[in-house]
């Protein structure tokens, strides 16, 4: 969601979205704002639909029938553009020990170790080359190297991999990984340094580089009203 410059105080305090808590809490997971890297003045919402497309369509139809929601969701003078992409959680999430996964996420456990202001989420995005087999190859390589990264000595204890997703609708051949760092950027830097010593991970990334056209990383801080902290 692209916002007008200077509109963040309105969004963050909830003045533009007083009825957004009506959105099903089981779907609304992360509402965040970029702190560094990539475009600024962008709000990111992550919704989990365990029932897939049918559940998403049903919830959107219910909201469309709510005149209060349709009026405030447009946030006149605040929202300049909206982009939506549908992702599927990669099977490796359920198979890899130490990865939370969206369906298993327990919100009370997502509180920051040093309070709400410390926690950040790191969104790492891979845009892969065209091809039907590109995403499967990526996920295979990623899954082979991931355990060594998660177990790397020196990884910050507040760092955890929340999920790995690949796009199904919107820009295709796109994979994102979402990391939570409870101790903020300090935790992120410690975990990054530790990962460089994970040999299997380094090998996997060197091969993944041949599949990727672009890689970006952005830091997001949860909004005060986000269920995830």
C-alpha atoms as a PDB file:
ATOM      1  CA  UNK A   1       0.000   0.000   0.000  1.00  0.00           C
ATOM      2  CA  UNK A   2       1.634   3.257  -1.172  1.00  0.00           C
ATOM      3  CA  UNK A   3       0.893   6.161   1.162  1.00  0.00           C
ATOM      4  CA  UNK A   4       1.017   9.891   0.680  1.00  0.00           C
ATOM      5  CA  UNK A   5       4.134  11.409   2.194  1.00  0.00           C
ATOM      6  CA  UNK A   6       3.438  12.674   5.696  1.00  0.00           C
ATOM      7  CA  UNK A   7       0.435  10.404   6.274  1.00  0.00           C
ATOM      8  CA  UNK A   8       2.200   7.898   8.534  1.00  0.00           C
ATOM      9  CA  UNK A   9       1.088   9.513  11.832  1.00  0.00           C
ATOM     10  CA  UNK A  10      -2.522   9.082  10.773  1.00  0.00           C
ATOM     11  CA  UNK A  11      -2.007   5.427   9.847  1.00  0.00           C
ATOM     12  CA  UNK A  12       0.142   4.502  12.835  1.00  0.00           C
ATOM     13  CA  UNK A  13      -2.216   5.984  15.404  1.00  0.00           C
ATOM     14  CA  UNK A  14      -5.167   4.268  13.745  1.00  0.00           C
ATOM     15  CA  UNK A  15      -7.024   7.497  12.974  1.00  0.00           C
ATOM     16  CA  UNK A  16      -7.554   6.355   9.361  1.00  0.00           C
ATOM     17  CA  UNK A  17      -8.461   2.765  10.199  1.00  0.00           C
ATOM     18  CA  UNK A  18     -10.680   2.818  13.264  1.00  0.00           C
ATOM     19  CA  UNK A  19     -12.721  -0.118  11.997  1.00  0.00           C
ATOM     20  CA  UNK A  20      -9.887  -2.299  10.730  1.00  0.00           C
ATOM     21  CA  UNK A  21      -9.943  -4.474  13.860  1.00  0.00           C
ATOM     22  CA  UNK A  22     -13.186  -5.866  12.425  1.00  0.00           C
ATOM     23  CA  UNK A  23     -11.057  -7.782   9.945  1.00  0.00           C
ATOM     24  CA  UNK A  24     -10.830 -11.433  11.085  1.00  0.00           C
ATOM     25  CA  UNK A  25      -7.945 -11.656  13.541  1.00  0.00           C
ATOM     26  CA  UNK A  26      -7.047 -15.129  12.301  1.00  0.00           C
ATOM     27  CA  UNK A  27      -6.142 -13.651   8.928  1.00  0.00           C
ATOM     28  CA  UNK A  28      -4.438 -10.383   9.816  1.00  0.00           C
ATOM     29  CA  UNK A  29      -0.910 -11.189  10.955  1.00  0.00           C
ATOM     30  CA  UNK A  30       1.579  -8.459  10.189  1.00  0.00           C
ATOM     31  CA  UNK A  31       0.954  -4.802   9.457  1.00  0.00           C
ATOM     32  CA  UNK A  32       4.247  -3.027   9.146  1.00  0.00           C
ATOM     33  CA  UNK A  33       6.124  -0.072   7.791  1.00  0.00           C
ATOM     34  CA  UNK A  34       9.580  -0.169   6.146  1.00  0.00           C
ATOM     35  CA  UNK A  35      12.332   1.317   8.232  1.00  0.00           C
ATOM     36  CA  UNK A  36      15.228   0.851   5.831  1.00  0.00           C
ATOM     37  CA  UNK A  37      15.729  -0.460   2.324  1.00  0.00           C
ATOM     38  CA  UNK A  38      13.357  -0.185  -0.622  1.00  0.00           C
ATOM     39  CA  UNK A  39      10.510   2.278  -1.041  1.00  0.00           C
ATOM     40  CA  UNK A  40       9.449   4.343   1.931  1.00  0.00           C
ATOM     41  CA  UNK A  41       5.880   5.450   2.665  1.00  0.00           C
ATOM     42  CA  UNK A  42       4.694   1.893   2.068  1.00  0.00           C
ATOM     43  CA  UNK A  43       2.507  -0.101   4.462  1.00  0.00           C
ATOM     44  CA  UNK A  44       2.665  -3.898   4.220  1.00  0.00           C
ATOM     45  CA  UNK A  45      -0.203  -6.144   5.315  1.00  0.00           C
ATOM     46  CA  UNK A  46       0.238  -9.904   5.491  1.00  0.00           C
ATOM     47  CA  UNK A  47      -2.902 -12.014   5.718  1.00  0.00           C
ATOM     48  CA  UNK A  48      -3.032 -15.773   6.185  1.00  0.00           C
ATOM     49  CA  UNK A  49      -5.995 -17.652   4.662  1.00  0.00           C
ATOM     50  CA  UNK A  50      -5.761 -21.236   5.851  1.00  0.00           C
ATOM     51  CA  UNK A  51      -8.765 -22.066   3.664  1.00  0.00           C
ATOM     52  CA  UNK A  52      -7.103 -20.726   0.515  1.00  0.00           C
ATOM     53  CA  UNK A  53      -8.913 -18.776  -2.192  1.00  0.00           C
ATOM     54  CA  UNK A  54     -12.460 -19.646  -1.009  1.00  0.00           C
ATOM     55  CA  UNK A  55     -11.782 -18.249   2.463  1.00  0.00           C
ATOM     56  CA  UNK A  56     -10.186 -15.104   1.036  1.00  0.00           C
ATOM     57  CA  UNK A  57     -13.126 -14.510  -1.291  1.00  0.00           C
ATOM     58  CA  UNK A  58     -15.655 -15.019   1.498  1.00  0.00           C
ATOM     59  CA  UNK A  59     -13.942 -12.587   3.860  1.00  0.00           C
ATOM     60  CA  UNK A  60     -13.524  -9.968   1.146  1.00  0.00           C
ATOM     61  CA  UNK A  61     -17.228 -10.263   0.218  1.00  0.00           C
ATOM     62  CA  UNK A  62     -18.181  -9.706   3.850  1.00  0.00           C
ATOM     63  CA  UNK A  63     -16.012  -6.604   4.074  1.00  0.00           C
ATOM     64  CA  UNK A  64     -17.334  -5.249   0.777  1.00  0.00           C
ATOM     65  CA  UNK A  65     -20.828  -5.331   2.286  1.00  0.00           C
ATOM     66  CA  UNK A  66     -19.727  -3.230   5.260  1.00  0.00           C
ATOM     67  CA  UNK A  67     -20.207   0.469   4.346  1.00  0.00           C
ATOM     68  CA  UNK A  68     -17.987   1.584   7.216  1.00  0.00           C
ATOM     69  CA  UNK A  69     -15.130  -0.586   5.997  1.00  0.00           C
ATOM     70  CA  UNK A  70     -15.419   0.450   2.357  1.00  0.00           C
ATOM     71  CA  UNK A  71     -15.362   4.140   3.320  1.00  0.00           C
ATOM     72  CA  UNK A  72     -12.428   3.981   5.692  1.00  0.00           C
ATOM     73  CA  UNK A  73     -10.457   1.373   3.758  1.00  0.00           C
ATOM     74  CA  UNK A  74     -10.051   3.897   0.957  1.00  0.00           C
ATOM     75  CA  UNK A  75      -8.552   6.426   3.430  1.00  0.00           C
ATOM     76  CA  UNK A  76      -9.122   9.474   1.186  1.00  0.00           C
ATOM     77  CA  UNK A  77      -6.000  11.583   0.804  1.00  0.00           C
ATOM     78  CA  UNK A  78      -3.807   8.956   2.435  1.00  0.00           C
ATOM     79  CA  UNK A  79      -3.597   5.917   0.166  1.00  0.00           C
ATOM     80  CA  UNK A  80      -2.116   6.554  -3.281  1.00  0.00           C
ATOM     81  CA  UNK A  81      -1.940   2.996  -4.555  1.00  0.00           C
ATOM     82  CA  UNK A  82      -2.426  -0.641  -3.574  1.00  0.00           C
ATOM     83  CA  UNK A  83      -0.693  -3.776  -4.827  1.00  0.00           C
ATOM     84  CA  UNK A  84      -1.732  -7.315  -3.936  1.00  0.00           C
ATOM     85  CA  UNK A  85       0.181 -10.563  -4.455  1.00  0.00           C
ATOM     86  CA  UNK A  86      -0.949 -14.042  -3.428  1.00  0.00           C
ATOM     87  CA  UNK A  87       1.685 -16.376  -2.021  1.00  0.00           C
ATOM     88  CA  UNK A  88       1.735 -20.049  -1.048  1.00  0.00           C
ATOM     89  CA  UNK A  89       3.757 -21.276   1.912  1.00  0.00           C
ATOM     90  CA  UNK A  90       6.592 -23.527   0.781  1.00  0.00           C
ATOM     91  CA  UNK A  91       6.362 -27.196   1.893  1.00  0.00           C
ATOM     92  CA  UNK A  92       9.847 -26.973   3.412  1.00  0.00           C
ATOM     93  CA  UNK A  93       8.392 -24.775   6.178  1.00  0.00           C
ATOM     94  CA  UNK A  94       6.502 -27.715   7.686  1.00  0.00           C
ATOM     95  CA  UNK A  95       9.444 -30.071   7.178  1.00  0.00           C
ATOM     96  CA  UNK A  96      12.194 -27.942   8.702  1.00  0.00           C
ATOM     97  CA  UNK A  97      12.689 -27.852  12.446  1.00  0.00           C
ATOM     98  CA  UNK A  98      12.936 -24.331  13.802  1.00  0.00           C
ATOM     99  CA  UNK A  99      10.689 -22.649  11.208  1.00  0.00           C
ATOM    100  CA  UNK A 100       7.469 -21.291  12.704  1.00  0.00           C
ATOM    101  CA  UNK A 101       5.078 -21.390   9.742  1.00  0.00           C
ATOM    102  CA  UNK A 102       1.948 -19.282   9.423  1.00  0.00           C
ATOM    103  CA  UNK A 103      -0.623 -21.903  10.443  1.00  0.00           C
ATOM    104  CA  UNK A 104       1.273 -22.826  13.611  1.00  0.00           C
ATOM    105  CA  UNK A 105       2.019 -19.290  14.700  1.00  0.00           C
ATOM    106  CA  UNK A 106       0.927 -18.502  18.250  1.00  0.00           C
ATOM    107  CA  UNK A 107       0.524 -14.731  18.544  1.00  0.00           C
ATOM    108  CA  UNK A 108       1.296 -14.524  22.290  1.00  0.00           C
ATOM    109  CA  UNK A 109       4.749 -15.950  21.516  1.00  0.00           C
ATOM    110  CA  UNK A 110       5.479 -13.173  19.061  1.00  0.00           C
ATOM    111  CA  UNK A 111       6.156 -10.531  21.702  1.00  0.00           C
ATOM    112  CA  UNK A 112       9.512  -8.784  21.576  1.00  0.00           C
ATOM    113  CA  UNK A 113      12.079  -9.664  24.212  1.00  0.00           C
ATOM    114  CA  UNK A 114      12.753  -5.985  24.870  1.00  0.00           C
ATOM    115  CA  UNK A 115       9.281  -4.630  24.215  1.00  0.00           C
ATOM    116  CA  UNK A 116       7.299  -3.806  21.101  1.00  0.00           C
ATOM    117  CA  UNK A 117       9.723  -1.147  19.840  1.00  0.00           C
ATOM    118  CA  UNK A 118      12.697  -3.526  19.607  1.00  0.00           C
ATOM    119  CA  UNK A 119      11.274  -6.169  17.285  1.00  0.00           C
ATOM    120  CA  UNK A 120      11.771  -5.930  13.541  1.00  0.00           C
ATOM    121  CA  UNK A 121      10.867  -8.170  10.613  1.00  0.00           C
ATOM    122  CA  UNK A 122      13.309  -8.655   7.764  1.00  0.00           C
ATOM    123  CA  UNK A 123      11.655  -9.309   4.417  1.00  0.00           C
ATOM    124  CA  UNK A 124      14.046 -10.910   1.933  1.00  0.00           C
ATOM    125  CA  UNK A 125      12.722 -11.103  -1.615  1.00  0.00           C
ATOM    126  CA  UNK A 126      14.113 -13.149  -4.525  1.00  0.00           C
ATOM    127  CA  UNK A 127      12.943 -12.462  -8.075  1.00  0.00           C
ATOM    128  CA  UNK A 128      13.858 -15.524 -10.097  1.00  0.00           C
ATOM    129  CA  UNK A 129      14.427 -16.033 -13.804  1.00  0.00           C
ATOM    130  CA  UNK A 130      11.585 -17.345 -15.960  1.00  0.00           C
ATOM    131  CA  UNK A 131      10.965 -21.063 -16.170  1.00  0.00           C
ATOM    132  CA  UNK A 132       8.567 -23.677 -14.834  1.00  0.00           C
ATOM    133  CA  UNK A 133      11.280 -25.416 -12.828  1.00  0.00           C
ATOM    134  CA  UNK A 134      12.965 -22.329 -11.353  1.00  0.00           C
ATOM    135  CA  UNK A 135      10.954 -22.106  -8.116  1.00  0.00           C
ATOM    136  CA  UNK A 136      11.181 -25.872  -7.386  1.00  0.00           C
ATOM    137  CA  UNK A 137      14.955 -25.748  -7.928  1.00  0.00           C
ATOM    138  CA  UNK A 138      15.227 -22.725  -5.643  1.00  0.00           C
ATOM    139  CA  UNK A 139      13.216 -24.356  -2.858  1.00  0.00           C
ATOM    140  CA  UNK A 140      15.253 -27.561  -3.109  1.00  0.00           C
ATOM    141  CA  UNK A 141      18.547 -25.715  -2.774  1.00  0.00           C
ATOM    142  CA  UNK A 142      17.188 -23.429  -0.054  1.00  0.00           C
ATOM    143  CA  UNK A 143      15.833 -26.382   1.929  1.00  0.00           C
ATOM    144  CA  UNK A 144      19.172 -28.199   1.731  1.00  0.00           C
ATOM    145  CA  UNK A 145      21.146 -25.255   3.090  1.00  0.00           C
ATOM    146  CA  UNK A 146      18.651 -23.833   5.585  1.00  0.00           C
ATOM    147  CA  UNK A 147      19.281 -26.211   8.534  1.00  0.00           C
ATOM    148  CA  UNK A 148      22.939 -25.198   8.667  1.00  0.00           C
ATOM    149  CA  UNK A 149      21.966 -21.523   8.731  1.00  0.00           C
ATOM    150  CA  UNK A 150      19.429 -22.034  11.512  1.00  0.00           C
ATOM    151  CA  UNK A 151      21.995 -23.967  13.569  1.00  0.00           C
ATOM    152  CA  UNK A 152      24.915 -21.618  12.883  1.00  0.00           C
ATOM    153  CA  UNK A 153      26.950 -20.830  15.980  1.00  0.00           C
ATOM    154  CA  UNK A 154      26.470 -17.235  17.072  1.00  0.00           C
ATOM    155  CA  UNK A 155      22.939 -16.842  15.704  1.00  0.00           C
ATOM    156  CA  UNK A 156      21.028 -14.452  17.935  1.00  0.00           C
ATOM    157  CA  UNK A 157      18.517 -16.335  20.130  1.00  0.00           C
ATOM    158  CA  UNK A 158      15.761 -13.846  19.260  1.00  0.00           C
ATOM    159  CA  UNK A 159      16.123 -14.513  15.514  1.00  0.00           C
ATOM    160  CA  UNK A 160      13.637 -16.921  13.946  1.00  0.00           C
ATOM    161  CA  UNK A 161      12.448 -17.742  10.443  1.00  0.00           C
ATOM    162  CA  UNK A 162       8.714 -17.086  10.300  1.00  0.00           C
ATOM    163  CA  UNK A 163       7.934 -18.427   6.836  1.00  0.00           C
ATOM    164  CA  UNK A 164       9.051 -18.943   3.238  1.00  0.00           C
ATOM    165  CA  UNK A 165       6.510 -18.160   0.516  1.00  0.00           C
ATOM    166  CA  UNK A 166       6.374 -18.289  -3.284  1.00  0.00           C
ATOM    167  CA  UNK A 167       4.042 -16.264  -5.492  1.00  0.00           C
ATOM    168  CA  UNK A 168       0.979 -17.761  -7.131  1.00  0.00           C
ATOM    169  CA  UNK A 169      -0.911 -14.658  -8.354  1.00  0.00           C
ATOM    170  CA  UNK A 170       0.775 -11.390  -9.317  1.00  0.00           C
ATOM    171  CA  UNK A 171       4.474 -11.218 -10.230  1.00  0.00           C
ATOM    172  CA  UNK A 172       5.421 -14.875 -10.659  1.00  0.00           C
ATOM    173  CA  UNK A 173       8.671 -16.679  -9.857  1.00  0.00           C
ATOM    174  CA  UNK A 174       9.051 -14.659  -6.691  1.00  0.00           C
ATOM    175  CA  UNK A 175      10.082 -16.109  -3.318  1.00  0.00           C
ATOM    176  CA  UNK A 176      10.116 -14.280   0.009  1.00  0.00           C
ATOM    177  CA  UNK A 177      11.487 -15.256   3.396  1.00  0.00           C
ATOM    178  CA  UNK A 178      10.328 -13.442   6.521  1.00  0.00           C
ATOM    179  CA  UNK A 179      12.639 -13.339   9.531  1.00  0.00           C
ATOM    180  CA  UNK A 180      11.766 -11.998  12.964  1.00  0.00           C
ATOM    181  CA  UNK A 181      14.527 -10.373  15.043  1.00  0.00           C
ATOM    182  CA  UNK A 182      13.249  -9.780  18.571  1.00  0.00           C
ATOM    183  CA  UNK A 183      16.306  -7.737  19.551  1.00  0.00           C
ATOM    184  CA  UNK A 184      16.055  -5.512  16.490  1.00  0.00           C
ATOM    185  CA  UNK A 185      18.824  -4.707  14.043  1.00  0.00           C
ATOM    186  CA  UNK A 186      21.510  -5.830  16.490  1.00  0.00           C
ATOM    187  CA  UNK A 187      20.047  -9.351  16.413  1.00  0.00           C
ATOM    188  CA  UNK A 188      19.817  -9.246  12.632  1.00  0.00           C
ATOM    189  CA  UNK A 189      23.480  -8.314  12.254  1.00  0.00           C
ATOM    190  CA  UNK A 190      24.641 -10.997  14.694  1.00  0.00           C
ATOM    191  CA  UNK A 191      22.621 -13.648  12.865  1.00  0.00           C
ATOM    192  CA  UNK A 192      23.872 -12.508   9.463  1.00  0.00           C
ATOM    193  CA  UNK A 193      27.483 -12.800  10.596  1.00  0.00           C
ATOM    194  CA  UNK A 194      26.792 -16.270  12.013  1.00  0.00           C
ATOM    195  CA  UNK A 195      25.205 -17.424   8.747  1.00  0.00           C
ATOM    196  CA  UNK A 196      28.390 -16.663   6.852  1.00  0.00           C
ATOM    197  CA  UNK A 197      30.058 -19.482   8.740  1.00  0.00           C
ATOM    198  CA  UNK A 198      27.426 -22.067   7.731  1.00  0.00           C
ATOM    199  CA  UNK A 199      29.127 -23.955   4.901  1.00  0.00           C
ATOM    200  CA  UNK A 200      26.048 -25.754   3.568  1.00  0.00           C
ATOM    201  CA  UNK A 201      24.138 -22.480   3.495  1.00  0.00           C
ATOM    202  CA  UNK A 202      26.942 -20.725   1.630  1.00  0.00           C
ATOM    203  CA  UNK A 203      26.996 -23.546  -0.939  1.00  0.00           C
ATOM    204  CA  UNK A 204      23.222 -23.327  -1.405  1.00  0.00           C
ATOM    205  CA  UNK A 205      23.275 -19.544  -1.846  1.00  0.00           C
ATOM    206  CA  UNK A 206      26.050 -19.733  -4.432  1.00  0.00           C
ATOM    207  CA  UNK A 207      23.830 -22.015  -6.537  1.00  0.00           C
ATOM    208  CA  UNK A 208      20.683 -19.988  -5.864  1.00  0.00           C
ATOM    209  CA  UNK A 209      22.498 -16.946  -7.261  1.00  0.00           C
ATOM    210  CA  UNK A 210      22.365 -18.580 -10.693  1.00  0.00           C
ATOM    211  CA  UNK A 211      18.562 -18.696 -10.496  1.00  0.00           C
ATOM    212  CA  UNK A 212      17.936 -15.160  -9.293  1.00  0.00           C
ATOM    213  CA  UNK A 213      17.581 -11.968 -11.322  1.00  0.00           C
ATOM    214  CA  UNK A 214      17.277  -9.740  -8.261  1.00  0.00           C
ATOM    215  CA  UNK A 215      17.473  -9.886  -4.481  1.00  0.00           C
ATOM    216  CA  UNK A 216      16.244  -7.235  -2.028  1.00  0.00           C
ATOM    217  CA  UNK A 217      16.047  -6.984   1.741  1.00  0.00           C
ATOM    218  CA  UNK A 218      13.858  -4.557   3.693  1.00  0.00           C
ATOM    219  CA  UNK A 219      13.404  -4.000   7.422  1.00  0.00           C
ATOM    220  CA  UNK A 220       9.873  -3.606   8.772  1.00  0.00           C
ATOM    221  CA  UNK A 221       8.695  -2.531  12.211  1.00  0.00           C
ATOM    222  CA  UNK A 222       5.216  -3.747  13.235  1.00  0.00           C
ATOM    223  CA  UNK A 223       2.550  -1.093  13.597  1.00  0.00           C
ATOM    224  CA  UNK A 224       1.198  -0.605  17.154  1.00  0.00           C
ATOM    225  CA  UNK A 225      -2.058  -2.334  16.182  1.00  0.00           C
ATOM    226  CA  UNK A 226      -0.383  -5.323  14.491  1.00  0.00           C
ATOM    227  CA  UNK A 227      -1.097  -8.715  16.118  1.00  0.00           C
ATOM    228  CA  UNK A 228       2.540  -9.684  15.526  1.00  0.00           C
ATOM    229  CA  UNK A 229       5.149  -7.935  17.629  1.00  0.00           C
END
